[in-house]
Amino acid sequence: MLALRDIRIGYGRRVLATLPDLDVQAGEFVCLLGRNGQGKSTLLRTLGGFLSPLAGEVSLDGVAVRSLSGSERARRIAVVLTERVQAGALGVRELVELGRQPHTGWSGVLGDEDRRIAADALERVEGAHLADRSIDSLSDGERQRVMIARALAQQPQVLLLDEITAFLDLPSRVTIIDLLRRIAREQGVAIVLSSHDLELSLETADRLWLLPGEGHFLDGTPEDIALSGAIGATFDQHNLRFSLESGRFESTAREGRAVQVAVDGVEATWLCRALRRSGFTPLEHAETGAPVIRFLGSDAGWQVGDASPARSIAALLDQLRS
């Protein structure tokens, strides 16, 4: 559906990245990752036809995107940005119906079918209950649902989203990403989302596009990109590293006294997090002189060696420090 051929992106003489030939199919959900300044927004603008590539061509169903008229492009490609829309007293229903503008011609008059499509778009983002609200009364998460609904009302083939979850809390970010993934599947829309939420992108994307810097670009499944070491090479810092074992970023703070963790299951996972954060080095196997921690059950608590059981991890850490 969306084809990128011999693309170089950037501004003026500055090349931000050179891309391999890529195709994005209907129904694919692609997450675009990279540190600030590496070209994520530039690439999205290039895909949408708002910015010319320095070389190469982006085409949609074999037609160069830059050759499309503005109205034709708006019928086929929709864009949602992170910026907060200042809509005054405009209602949710009216804002979503503005997505029909590319289809209404010069008059801008909505017909019954236009209103039905807009209402359906709001339903698809689970926002029908918001229809009679004003935009300014919405939470950030609700507002982003409405902006996605307006984009869907355009009935696009491609949906481009730039950092739309940046200011949302974790539950709202998860909800929006799950919503987008479902839209891609159910409606066959090709979705490209730029994001700083690496761990959530690893869990949900069909493909990752990674801009690691120095003009490079990587494309692959989240698993292939992670196992290549590229995520760590791109995002690791002196005090933070990406762990292939856990699939998340972990502190690299120097670990201290070793303790043996004779615990299984989720209790072991959370205990080890607490130990590392508190400056201890958790071990799975016995080491001479290392105290042994056991979990005695939710009623009895935790025990270090032969000491009295501690009812909580906080109390256990106090014992270890004493």
C-alpha atoms as a PDB file:
ATOM      1  CA  MET A   1       0.000   0.000   0.000  1.00  0.00           C
ATOM      2  CA  LEU A   2       2.543   2.611   1.172  1.00  0.00           C
ATOM      3  CA  ALA A   3       5.882   2.269  -0.604  1.00  0.00           C
ATOM      4  CA  LEU A   4       9.180   4.014   0.186  1.00  0.00           C
ATOM      5  CA  ARG A   5      11.860   3.822  -2.472  1.00  0.00           C
ATOM      6  CA  ASP A   6      15.440   5.157  -2.178  1.00  0.00           C
ATOM      7  CA  ILE A   7      14.351   7.621   0.511  1.00  0.00           C
ATOM      8  CA  ARG A   8      16.649  10.074   2.250  1.00  0.00           C
ATOM      9  CA  ILE A   9      15.070  12.403   4.796  1.00  0.00           C
ATOM     10  CA  GLY A  10      16.340  15.677   6.196  1.00  0.00           C
ATOM     11  CA  TYR A  11      16.432  19.425   5.704  1.00  0.00           C
ATOM     12  CA  GLY A  12      18.506  21.353   3.193  1.00  0.00           C
ATOM     13  CA  ARG A  13      21.837  19.593   2.958  1.00  0.00           C
ATOM     14  CA  ARG A  14      21.438  17.816   6.281  1.00  0.00           C
ATOM     15  CA  VAL A  15      20.603  14.127   5.831  1.00  0.00           C
ATOM     16  CA  LEU A  16      18.979  12.650   8.938  1.00  0.00           C
ATOM     17  CA  ALA A  17      18.574   9.108   7.649  1.00  0.00           C
ATOM     18  CA  THR A  18      18.795   6.930   4.564  1.00  0.00           C
ATOM     19  CA  LEU A  19      16.059   4.295   4.393  1.00  0.00           C
ATOM     20  CA  PRO A  20      15.998   0.910   2.681  1.00  0.00           C
ATOM     21  CA  ASP A  21      13.122   0.185   0.319  1.00  0.00           C
ATOM     22  CA  LEU A  22      10.056  -0.376   2.496  1.00  0.00           C
ATOM     23  CA  ASP A  23       6.419  -1.354   2.061  1.00  0.00           C
ATOM     24  CA  VAL A  24       3.706  -0.874   4.663  1.00  0.00           C
ATOM     25  CA  GLN A  25       0.688  -3.086   4.113  1.00  0.00           C
ATOM     26  CA  ALA A  26      -2.964  -2.500   4.978  1.00  0.00           C
ATOM     27  CA  GLY A  27      -3.615  -3.366   8.609  1.00  0.00           C
ATOM     28  CA  GLU A  28       0.013  -3.081   9.766  1.00  0.00           C
ATOM     29  CA  PHE A  29       0.834  -1.282  13.001  1.00  0.00           C
ATOM     30  CA  VAL A  30       4.322   0.248  12.880  1.00  0.00           C
ATOM     31  CA  CYS A  31       6.010   2.044  15.793  1.00  0.00           C
ATOM     32  CA  LEU A  32       8.740   4.550  14.978  1.00  0.00           C
ATOM     33  CA  LEU A  33      11.408   4.960  17.666  1.00  0.00           C
ATOM     34  CA  GLY A  34      14.517   7.065  18.107  1.00  0.00           C
ATOM     35  CA  ARG A  35      16.073   9.656  20.330  1.00  0.00           C
ATOM     36  CA  ASN A  36      15.127  13.311  19.942  1.00  0.00           C
ATOM     37  CA  GLY A  37      16.480  14.994  16.833  1.00  0.00           C
ATOM     38  CA  GLN A  38      17.016  11.813  14.817  1.00  0.00           C
ATOM     39  CA  GLY A  39      14.187  12.433  12.340  1.00  0.00           C
ATOM     40  CA  LYS A  40      10.971  10.801  13.600  1.00  0.00           C
ATOM     41  CA  SER A  41       8.759  13.815  12.907  1.00  0.00           C
ATOM     42  CA  THR A  42      10.613  14.520   9.676  1.00  0.00           C
ATOM     43  CA  LEU A  43       9.935  10.994   8.460  1.00  0.00           C
ATOM     44  CA  LEU A  44       6.226  11.258   9.311  1.00  0.00           C
ATOM     45  CA  ARG A  45       5.968  14.573   7.465  1.00  0.00           C
ATOM     46  CA  THR A  46       7.683  12.972   4.482  1.00  0.00           C
ATOM     47  CA  LEU A  47       5.286  10.022   4.514  1.00  0.00           C
ATOM     48  CA  GLY A  48       2.334  12.400   4.642  1.00  0.00           C
ATOM     49  CA  GLY A  49       3.566  14.468   1.715  1.00  0.00           C
ATOM     50  CA  PHE A  50       4.036  17.626   3.779  1.00  0.00           C
ATOM     51  CA  LEU A  51       7.793  17.531   3.273  1.00  0.00           C
ATOM     52  CA  SER A  52       9.701  16.417   0.186  1.00  0.00           C
ATOM     53  CA  PRO A  53      12.345  13.726   0.689  1.00  0.00           C
ATOM     54  CA  LEU A  54      15.898  14.745  -0.120  1.00  0.00           C
ATOM     55  CA  ALA A  55      15.924  11.795  -2.506  1.00  0.00           C
ATOM     56  CA  GLY A  56      13.565   9.026  -3.540  1.00  0.00           C
ATOM     57  CA  GLU A  57       9.791   8.807  -3.522  1.00  0.00           C
ATOM     58  CA  VAL A  58       6.912   7.879  -1.235  1.00  0.00           C
ATOM     59  CA  SER A  59       3.932   6.422  -3.072  1.00  0.00           C
ATOM     60  CA  LEU A  60       0.485   5.187  -2.122  1.00  0.00           C
ATOM     61  CA  ASP A  61      -1.033   2.497  -4.340  1.00  0.00           C
ATOM     62  CA  GLY A  62       1.564   3.363  -6.955  1.00  0.00           C
ATOM     63  CA  VAL A  63       0.859   7.109  -6.970  1.00  0.00           C
ATOM     64  CA  ALA A  64       3.483   9.540  -5.639  1.00  0.00           C
ATOM     65  CA  VAL A  65       2.109  11.133  -2.471  1.00  0.00           C
ATOM     66  CA  ARG A  66       3.556  14.536  -3.355  1.00  0.00           C
ATOM     67  CA  SER A  67       1.669  14.502  -6.658  1.00  0.00           C
ATOM     68  CA  LEU A  68      -1.724  14.221  -4.947  1.00  0.00           C
ATOM     69  CA  SER A  69      -3.846  17.322  -4.501  1.00  0.00           C
ATOM     70  CA  GLY A  70      -4.402  18.489  -0.949  1.00  0.00           C
ATOM     71  CA  SER A  71      -7.970  17.205  -0.829  1.00  0.00           C
ATOM     72  CA  GLU A  72      -7.059  13.839  -2.368  1.00  0.00           C
ATOM     73  CA  ARG A  73      -4.187  13.443   0.069  1.00  0.00           C
ATOM     74  CA  ALA A  74      -6.528  14.234   2.982  1.00  0.00           C
ATOM     75  CA  ARG A  75      -8.934  11.542   1.770  1.00  0.00           C
ATOM     76  CA  ARG A  76      -6.173   8.940   1.815  1.00  0.00           C
ATOM     77  CA  ILE A  77      -3.790   9.982   4.621  1.00  0.00           C
ATOM     78  CA  ALA A  78      -4.806  11.255   8.063  1.00  0.00           C
ATOM     79  CA  VAL A  79      -2.485  12.799  10.641  1.00  0.00           C
ATOM     80  CA  VAL A  80      -2.821  13.175  14.428  1.00  0.00           C
ATOM     81  CA  LEU A  81      -0.283  15.303  16.325  1.00  0.00           C
ATOM     82  CA  THR A  82       0.551  15.585  20.003  1.00  0.00           C
ATOM     83  CA  GLU A  83      -0.251  19.297  20.201  1.00  0.00           C
ATOM     84  CA  ARG A  84      -3.309  20.180  22.274  1.00  0.00           C
ATOM     85  CA  VAL A  85      -6.025  21.490  19.952  1.00  0.00           C
ATOM     86  CA  GLN A  86      -7.528  24.802  21.034  1.00  0.00           C
ATOM     87  CA  ALA A  87     -11.165  24.313  20.063  1.00  0.00           C
ATOM     88  CA  GLY A  88     -12.939  26.776  22.337  1.00  0.00           C
ATOM     89  CA  ALA A  89     -16.557  25.772  22.836  1.00  0.00           C
ATOM     90  CA  LEU A  90     -16.581  23.417  19.843  1.00  0.00           C
ATOM     91  CA  GLY A  91     -18.399  20.176  20.583  1.00  0.00           C
ATOM     92  CA  VAL A  92     -16.970  16.692  20.185  1.00  0.00           C
ATOM     93  CA  ARG A  93     -19.503  15.713  17.526  1.00  0.00           C
ATOM     94  CA  GLU A  94     -18.731  18.828  15.486  1.00  0.00           C
ATOM     95  CA  LEU A  95     -14.969  18.301  15.703  1.00  0.00           C
ATOM     96  CA  VAL A  96     -15.220  14.694  14.517  1.00  0.00           C
ATOM     97  CA  GLU A  97     -17.508  15.756  11.665  1.00  0.00           C
ATOM     98  CA  LEU A  98     -14.774  18.152  10.491  1.00  0.00           C
ATOM     99  CA  GLY A  99     -12.961  15.003   9.403  1.00  0.00           C
ATOM    100  CA  ARG A 100     -15.488  14.724   6.576  1.00  0.00           C
ATOM    101  CA  GLN A 101     -14.338  18.016   5.045  1.00  0.00           C
ATOM    102  CA  PRO A 102     -12.133  16.362   2.358  1.00  0.00           C
ATOM    103  CA  HIS A 103     -15.226  14.517   1.135  1.00  0.00           C
ATOM    104  CA  THR A 104     -17.828  17.306   1.190  1.00  0.00           C
ATOM    105  CA  GLY A 105     -16.439  19.460  -1.606  1.00  0.00           C
ATOM    106  CA  TRP A 106     -16.424  23.243  -1.698  1.00  0.00           C
ATOM    107  CA  SER A 107     -19.771  23.597   0.081  1.00  0.00           C
ATOM    108  CA  GLY A 108     -18.729  21.787   3.259  1.00  0.00           C
ATOM    109  CA  VAL A 109     -22.329  20.686   3.778  1.00  0.00           C
ATOM    110  CA  LEU A 110     -22.668  17.382   5.611  1.00  0.00           C
ATOM    111  CA  GLY A 111     -25.147  14.794   4.407  1.00  0.00           C
ATOM    112  CA  ASP A 112     -26.714  11.984   6.406  1.00  0.00           C
ATOM    113  CA  GLU A 113     -23.994   9.583   5.255  1.00  0.00           C
ATOM    114  CA  ASP A 114     -21.259  11.983   6.412  1.00  0.00           C
ATOM    115  CA  ARG A 115     -22.857  12.230   9.842  1.00  0.00           C
ATOM    116  CA  ARG A 116     -23.205   8.443  10.028  1.00  0.00           C
ATOM    117  CA  ILE A 117     -19.511   7.954   9.158  1.00  0.00           C
ATOM    118  CA  ALA A 118     -18.465  10.514  11.799  1.00  0.00           C
ATOM    119  CA  ALA A 119     -20.645   8.869  14.443  1.00  0.00           C
ATOM    120  CA  ASP A 120     -19.234   5.476  13.538  1.00  0.00           C
ATOM    121  CA  ALA A 121     -15.690   6.841  13.883  1.00  0.00           C
ATOM    122  CA  LEU A 122     -16.483   8.078  17.381  1.00  0.00           C
ATOM    123  CA  GLU A 123     -17.993   4.695  18.212  1.00  0.00           C
ATOM    124  CA  ARG A 124     -14.842   2.916  17.032  1.00  0.00           C
ATOM    125  CA  VAL A 125     -12.704   4.786  19.546  1.00  0.00           C
ATOM    126  CA  GLU A 126     -15.231   3.987  22.298  1.00  0.00           C
ATOM    127  CA  GLY A 127     -16.107   7.664  22.514  1.00  0.00           C
ATOM    128  CA  ALA A 128     -19.803   7.760  21.614  1.00  0.00           C
ATOM    129  CA  HIS A 129     -20.622   8.862  25.175  1.00  0.00           C
ATOM    130  CA  LEU A 130     -18.512  11.989  24.592  1.00  0.00           C
ATOM    131  CA  ALA A 131     -20.484  13.228  21.579  1.00  0.00           C
ATOM    132  CA  ASP A 132     -22.374  15.984  23.411  1.00  0.00           C
ATOM    133  CA  ARG A 133     -19.393  17.201  25.437  1.00  0.00           C
ATOM    134  CA  SER A 134     -17.293  20.244  24.573  1.00  0.00           C
ATOM    135  CA  ILE A 135     -13.653  19.680  23.623  1.00  0.00           C
ATOM    136  CA  ASP A 136     -12.393  21.831  26.487  1.00  0.00           C
ATOM    137  CA  SER A 137     -14.171  19.626  29.034  1.00  0.00           C
ATOM    138  CA  LEU A 138     -12.258  16.478  28.027  1.00  0.00           C
ATOM    139  CA  SER A 139      -9.300  14.861  29.741  1.00  0.00           C
ATOM    140  CA  ASP A 140      -6.121  14.453  27.695  1.00  0.00           C
ATOM    141  CA  GLY A 141      -6.908  10.787  27.058  1.00  0.00           C
ATOM    142  CA  GLU A 142     -10.468  11.544  25.945  1.00  0.00           C
ATOM    143  CA  ARG A 143      -9.217  14.358  23.731  1.00  0.00           C
ATOM    144  CA  GLN A 144      -6.808  12.023  21.932  1.00  0.00           C
ATOM    145  CA  ARG A 145      -9.613   9.524  21.340  1.00  0.00           C
ATOM    146  CA  VAL A 146     -11.642  12.296  19.712  1.00  0.00           C
ATOM    147  CA  MET A 147      -8.705  13.401  17.545  1.00  0.00           C
ATOM    148  CA  ILE A 148      -8.250   9.824  16.360  1.00  0.00           C
ATOM    149  CA  ALA A 149     -11.990   9.667  15.611  1.00  0.00           C
ATOM    150  CA  ARG A 150     -11.733  12.835  13.516  1.00  0.00           C
ATOM    151  CA  ALA A 151      -8.870  11.233  11.569  1.00  0.00           C
ATOM    152  CA  LEU A 152     -10.895   8.044  11.055  1.00  0.00           C
ATOM    153  CA  ALA A 153     -13.826  10.103   9.764  1.00  0.00           C
ATOM    154  CA  GLN A 154     -11.578  10.958   6.820  1.00  0.00           C
ATOM    155  CA  GLN A 155     -11.687   7.218   5.967  1.00  0.00           C
ATOM    156  CA  PRO A 156      -7.929   7.156   5.300  1.00  0.00           C
ATOM    157  CA  GLN A 157      -5.821   4.303   4.029  1.00  0.00           C
ATOM    158  CA  VAL A 158      -2.886   5.509   6.139  1.00  0.00           C
ATOM    159  CA  LEU A 159      -2.919   7.005   9.634  1.00  0.00           C
ATOM    160  CA  LEU A 160       0.201   8.859  10.854  1.00  0.00           C
ATOM    161  CA  LEU A 161       0.483   9.760  14.543  1.00  0.00           C
ATOM    162  CA  ASP A 162       3.278  11.844  16.056  1.00  0.00           C
ATOM    163  CA  GLU A 163       3.932  11.384  19.801  1.00  0.00           C
ATOM    164  CA  ILE A 164       0.225  11.407  20.639  1.00  0.00           C
ATOM    165  CA  THR A 165       0.703   9.569  23.959  1.00  0.00           C
ATOM    166  CA  ALA A 166       3.487  11.848  25.222  1.00  0.00           C
ATOM    167  CA  PHE A 167       1.408  13.593  27.904  1.00  0.00           C
ATOM    168  CA  LEU A 168      -0.885  10.727  28.901  1.00  0.00           C
ATOM    169  CA  ASP A 169      -0.685   8.633  32.046  1.00  0.00           C
ATOM    170  CA  LEU A 170       0.201   4.944  31.729  1.00  0.00           C
ATOM    171  CA  PRO A 171      -3.372   3.518  31.647  1.00  0.00           C
ATOM    172  CA  SER A 172      -4.350   6.060  28.990  1.00  0.00           C
ATOM    173  CA  ARG A 173      -1.236   5.262  26.909  1.00  0.00           C
ATOM    174  CA  VAL A 174      -1.998   1.544  27.017  1.00  0.00           C
ATOM    175  CA  THR A 175      -5.637   2.176  26.108  1.00  0.00           C
ATOM    176  CA  ILE A 176      -4.758   4.381  23.127  1.00  0.00           C
ATOM    177  CA  ILE A 177      -2.127   1.963  21.778  1.00  0.00           C
ATOM    178  CA  ASP A 178      -4.485  -1.023  22.106  1.00  0.00           C
ATOM    179  CA  LEU A 179      -7.171   1.017  20.369  1.00  0.00           C
ATOM    180  CA  LEU A 180      -4.873   1.849  17.448  1.00  0.00           C
ATOM    181  CA  ARG A 181      -3.786  -1.752  17.076  1.00  0.00           C
ATOM    182  CA  ARG A 182      -7.420  -2.864  16.925  1.00  0.00           C
ATOM    183  CA  ILE A 183      -8.270  -0.169  14.348  1.00  0.00           C
ATOM    184  CA  ALA A 184      -5.410  -1.357  12.141  1.00  0.00           C
ATOM    185  CA  ARG A 185      -6.645  -4.941  12.328  1.00  0.00           C
ATOM    186  CA  GLU A 186     -10.372  -4.339  11.969  1.00  0.00           C
ATOM    187  CA  GLN A 187     -10.350  -1.522   9.399  1.00  0.00           C
ATOM    188  CA  GLY A 188      -7.250  -2.404   7.415  1.00  0.00           C
ATOM    189  CA  VAL A 189      -5.684   1.009   8.042  1.00  0.00           C
ATOM    190  CA  ALA A 190      -1.887   1.160   7.858  1.00  0.00           C
ATOM    191  CA  ILE A 191      -0.760   2.959  11.025  1.00  0.00           C
ATOM    192  CA  VAL A 192       2.630   4.508  11.718  1.00  0.00           C
ATOM    193  CA  LEU A 193       3.061   5.878  15.250  1.00  0.00           C
ATOM    194  CA  SER A 194       6.143   7.719  16.502  1.00  0.00           C
ATOM    195  CA  SER A 195       6.677   7.164  20.199  1.00  0.00           C
ATOM    196  CA  HIS A 196       9.070   7.445  23.127  1.00  0.00           C
ATOM    197  CA  ASP A 197       7.264   4.579  24.870  1.00  0.00           C
ATOM    198  CA  LEU A 198       9.757   1.870  23.969  1.00  0.00           C
ATOM    199  CA  GLU A 199       8.515  -0.923  26.199  1.00  0.00           C
ATOM    200  CA  LEU A 200       4.893  -0.529  25.090  1.00  0.00           C
ATOM    201  CA  SER A 201       5.988  -0.393  21.443  1.00  0.00           C
ATOM    202  CA  LEU A 202       7.934  -3.639  21.870  1.00  0.00           C
ATOM    203  CA  GLU A 203       4.802  -5.327  23.174  1.00  0.00           C
ATOM    204  CA  THR A 204       2.314  -4.111  20.575  1.00  0.00           C
ATOM    205  CA  ALA A 205       3.931  -3.226  17.231  1.00  0.00           C
ATOM    206  CA  ASP A 206       3.932  -5.499  14.198  1.00  0.00           C
ATOM    207  CA  ARG A 207       7.144  -3.762  13.123  1.00  0.00           C
ATOM    208  CA  LEU A 208       9.585  -1.314  14.609  1.00  0.00           C
ATOM    209  CA  TRP A 209      11.294   1.421  12.663  1.00  0.00           C
ATOM    210  CA  LEU A 210      14.353   2.580  14.591  1.00  0.00           C
ATOM    211  CA  LEU A 211      16.361   5.723  13.922  1.00  0.00           C
ATOM    212  CA  PRO A 212      19.575   5.051  15.900  1.00  0.00           C
ATOM    213  CA  GLY A 213      21.417   8.127  14.641  1.00  0.00           C
ATOM    214  CA  GLU A 214      24.308   8.823  12.281  1.00  0.00           C
ATOM    215  CA  GLY A 215      21.990   8.481   9.293  1.00  0.00           C
ATOM    216  CA  HIS A 216      21.051   4.857   9.962  1.00  0.00           C
ATOM    217  CA  PHE A 217      17.620   3.213   9.904  1.00  0.00           C
ATOM    218  CA  LEU A 218      16.472  -0.230  11.018  1.00  0.00           C
ATOM    219  CA  ASP A 219      13.263  -2.086  10.174  1.00  0.00           C
ATOM    220  CA  GLY A 220      12.114  -5.372  11.682  1.00  0.00           C
ATOM    221  CA  THR A 221       9.928  -7.131  14.211  1.00  0.00           C
ATOM    222  CA  PRO A 222      10.347  -5.892  17.788  1.00  0.00           C
ATOM    223  CA  GLU A 223      12.044  -9.168  18.675  1.00  0.00           C
ATOM    224  CA  ASP A 224      14.581  -8.987  15.852  1.00  0.00           C
ATOM    225  CA  ILE A 225      15.411  -5.356  16.597  1.00  0.00           C
ATOM    226  CA  ALA A 226      15.851  -6.093  20.318  1.00  0.00           C
ATOM    227  CA  LEU A 227      18.002  -9.194  19.787  1.00  0.00           C
ATOM    228  CA  SER A 228      20.241  -7.302  17.367  1.00  0.00           C
ATOM    229  CA  GLY A 229      21.391  -5.121  20.256  1.00  0.00           C
ATOM    230  CA  ALA A 230      20.269  -1.976  18.436  1.00  0.00           C
ATOM    231  CA  ILE A 231      17.871  -0.831  21.158  1.00  0.00           C
ATOM    232  CA  GLY A 232      20.573  -0.894  23.799  1.00  0.00           C
ATOM    233  CA  ALA A 233      23.057   0.779  21.457  1.00  0.00           C
ATOM    234  CA  THR A 234      20.539   3.558  20.757  1.00  0.00           C
ATOM    235  CA  PHE A 235      19.081   4.265  24.182  1.00  0.00           C
ATOM    236  CA  ASP A 236      21.517   3.005  26.860  1.00  0.00           C
ATOM    237  CA  GLN A 237      23.015   5.647  29.153  1.00  0.00           C
ATOM    238  CA  HIS A 238      25.643   5.484  31.860  1.00  0.00           C
ATOM    239  CA  ASN A 239      22.987   4.919  34.523  1.00  0.00           C
ATOM    240  CA  LEU A 240      20.403   3.009  32.495  1.00  0.00           C
ATOM    241  CA  ARG A 241      20.514   0.027  30.164  1.00  0.00           C
ATOM    242  CA  PHE A 242      18.039  -2.009  28.162  1.00  0.00           C
ATOM    243  CA  SER A 243      17.804  -5.566  29.500  1.00  0.00           C
ATOM    244  CA  LEU A 244      17.172  -8.301  26.939  1.00  0.00           C
ATOM    245  CA  GLU A 245      16.162 -10.597  29.783  1.00  0.00           C
ATOM    246  CA  SER A 246      13.343  -8.411  31.102  1.00  0.00           C
ATOM    247  CA  GLY A 247      12.582  -6.378  27.968  1.00  0.00           C
ATOM    248  CA  ARG A 248      12.749  -3.097  29.872  1.00  0.00           C
ATOM    249  CA  PHE A 249      15.220  -0.463  31.000  1.00  0.00           C
ATOM    250  CA  GLU A 250      17.014  -1.116  34.270  1.00  0.00           C
ATOM    251  CA  SER A 251      19.275   0.967  36.457  1.00  0.00           C
ATOM    252  CA  THR A 252      23.007   0.277  36.202  1.00  0.00           C
ATOM    253  CA  ALA A 253      23.695   1.605  39.682  1.00  0.00           C
ATOM    254  CA  ARG A 254      26.513  -0.317  41.336  1.00  0.00           C
ATOM    255  CA  GLU A 255      25.167  -3.315  43.244  1.00  0.00           C
ATOM    256  CA  GLY A 256      26.407  -4.108  46.742  1.00  0.00           C
ATOM    257  CA  ARG A 257      26.249  -7.018  49.164  1.00  0.00           C
ATOM    258  CA  ALA A 258      25.165 -10.339  47.652  1.00  0.00           C
ATOM    259  CA  VAL A 259      22.058 -12.128  48.914  1.00  0.00           C
ATOM    260  CA  GLN A 260      20.697 -15.478  47.764  1.00  0.00           C
ATOM    261  CA  VAL A 261      17.068 -15.413  46.649  1.00  0.00           C
ATOM    262  CA  ALA A 262      15.504 -18.815  47.333  1.00  0.00           C
ATOM    263  CA  VAL A 263      12.129 -17.628  46.039  1.00  0.00           C
ATOM    264  CA  ASP A 264      10.110 -18.522  42.933  1.00  0.00           C
ATOM    265  CA  GLY A 265       7.387 -16.908  40.857  1.00  0.00           C
ATOM    266  CA  VAL A 266       6.244 -13.307  40.864  1.00  0.00           C
ATOM    267  CA  GLU A 267       7.469 -12.855  44.427  1.00  0.00           C
ATOM    268  CA  ALA A 268      11.040 -13.428  43.210  1.00  0.00           C
ATOM    269  CA  THR A 269      10.615 -10.841  40.434  1.00  0.00           C
ATOM    270  CA  TRP A 270       9.424  -8.103  42.772  1.00  0.00           C
ATOM    271  CA  LEU A 271      11.856  -9.002  45.530  1.00  0.00           C
ATOM    272  CA  CYS A 272      14.812  -8.749  43.138  1.00  0.00           C
ATOM    273  CA  ARG A 273      13.606  -5.335  41.954  1.00  0.00           C
ATOM    274  CA  ALA A 274      13.528  -4.102  45.532  1.00  0.00           C
ATOM    275  CA  LEU A 275      16.936  -5.589  46.327  1.00  0.00           C
ATOM    276  CA  ARG A 276      18.650  -4.006  43.320  1.00  0.00           C
ATOM    277  CA  ARG A 277      17.056  -0.645  43.995  1.00  0.00           C
ATOM    278  CA  SER A 278      18.307  -0.823  47.578  1.00  0.00           C
ATOM    279  CA  GLY A 279      21.883  -1.619  46.574  1.00  0.00           C
ATOM    280  CA  PHE A 280      21.991  -5.416  47.003  1.00  0.00           C
ATOM    281  CA  THR A 281      22.993  -8.049  44.437  1.00  0.00           C
ATOM    282  CA  PRO A 282      20.400 -10.853  44.242  1.00  0.00           C
ATOM    283  CA  LEU A 283      21.793 -14.322  43.435  1.00  0.00           C
ATOM    284  CA  GLU A 284      19.923 -17.425  42.324  1.00  0.00           C
ATOM    285  CA  HIS A 285      22.568 -19.829  43.632  1.00  0.00           C
ATOM    286  CA  ALA A 286      24.318 -20.176  46.978  1.00  0.00           C
ATOM    287  CA  GLU A 287      27.459 -18.178  47.644  1.00  0.00           C
ATOM    288  CA  THR A 288      29.600 -18.456  50.767  1.00  0.00           C
ATOM    289  CA  GLY A 289      28.565 -15.873  53.294  1.00  0.00           C
ATOM    290  CA  ALA A 290      25.516 -14.649  51.355  1.00  0.00           C
ATOM    291  CA  PRO A 291      22.346 -14.560  53.460  1.00  0.00           C
ATOM    292  CA  VAL A 292      19.467 -16.640  52.118  1.00  0.00           C
ATOM    293  CA  ILE A 293      16.004 -15.100  51.673  1.00  0.00           C
ATOM    294  CA  ARG A 294      12.900 -17.326  51.633  1.00  0.00           C
ATOM    295  CA  PHE A 295       9.238 -16.532  51.107  1.00  0.00           C
ATOM    296  CA  LEU A 296       7.095 -18.266  53.736  1.00  0.00           C
ATOM    297  CA  GLY A 297       3.744 -17.352  52.234  1.00  0.00           C
ATOM    298  CA  SER A 298       1.487 -14.307  52.171  1.00  0.00           C
ATOM    299  CA  ASP A 299       0.508 -14.782  55.824  1.00  0.00           C
ATOM    300  CA  ALA A 300       3.991 -15.492  57.235  1.00  0.00           C
ATOM    301  CA  GLY A 301       6.073 -13.126  55.077  1.00  0.00           C
ATOM    302  CA  TRP A 302       9.805 -13.191  54.315  1.00  0.00           C
ATOM    303  CA  GLN A 303      12.754 -14.658  56.210  1.00  0.00           C
ATOM    304  CA  VAL A 304      16.499 -13.939  56.059  1.00  0.00           C
ATOM    305  CA  GLY A 305      18.453 -16.923  57.336  1.00  0.00           C
ATOM    306  CA  ASP A 306      17.182 -17.823  60.828  1.00  0.00           C
ATOM    307  CA  ALA A 307      15.929 -14.344  61.664  1.00  0.00           C
ATOM    308  CA  SER A 308      12.361 -13.645  62.633  1.00  0.00           C
ATOM    309  CA  PRO A 309      10.059 -13.426  59.607  1.00  0.00           C
ATOM    310  CA  ALA A 310       9.409  -9.977  58.150  1.00  0.00           C
ATOM    311  CA  ARG A 311       5.816  -9.322  57.133  1.00  0.00           C
ATOM    312  CA  SER A 312       6.739  -7.043  54.199  1.00  0.00           C
ATOM    313  CA  ILE A 313       9.577  -6.427  51.759  1.00  0.00           C
ATOM    314  CA  ALA A 314      10.119  -3.049  53.442  1.00  0.00           C
ATOM    315  CA  ALA A 315      10.699  -4.792  56.789  1.00  0.00           C
ATOM    316  CA  LEU A 316      12.931  -7.368  55.078  1.00  0.00           C
ATOM    317  CA  LEU A 317      15.121  -4.605  53.646  1.00  0.00           C
ATOM    318  CA  ASP A 318      15.432  -3.052  57.093  1.00  0.00           C
ATOM    319  CA  GLN A 319      16.688  -6.395  58.427  1.00  0.00           C
ATOM    320  CA  LEU A 320      19.278  -6.644  55.662  1.00  0.00           C
ATOM    321  CA  ARG A 321      20.528  -3.122  56.335  1.00  0.00           C
ATOM    322  CA  SER A 322      20.869  -3.652  60.070  1.00  0.00           C
END
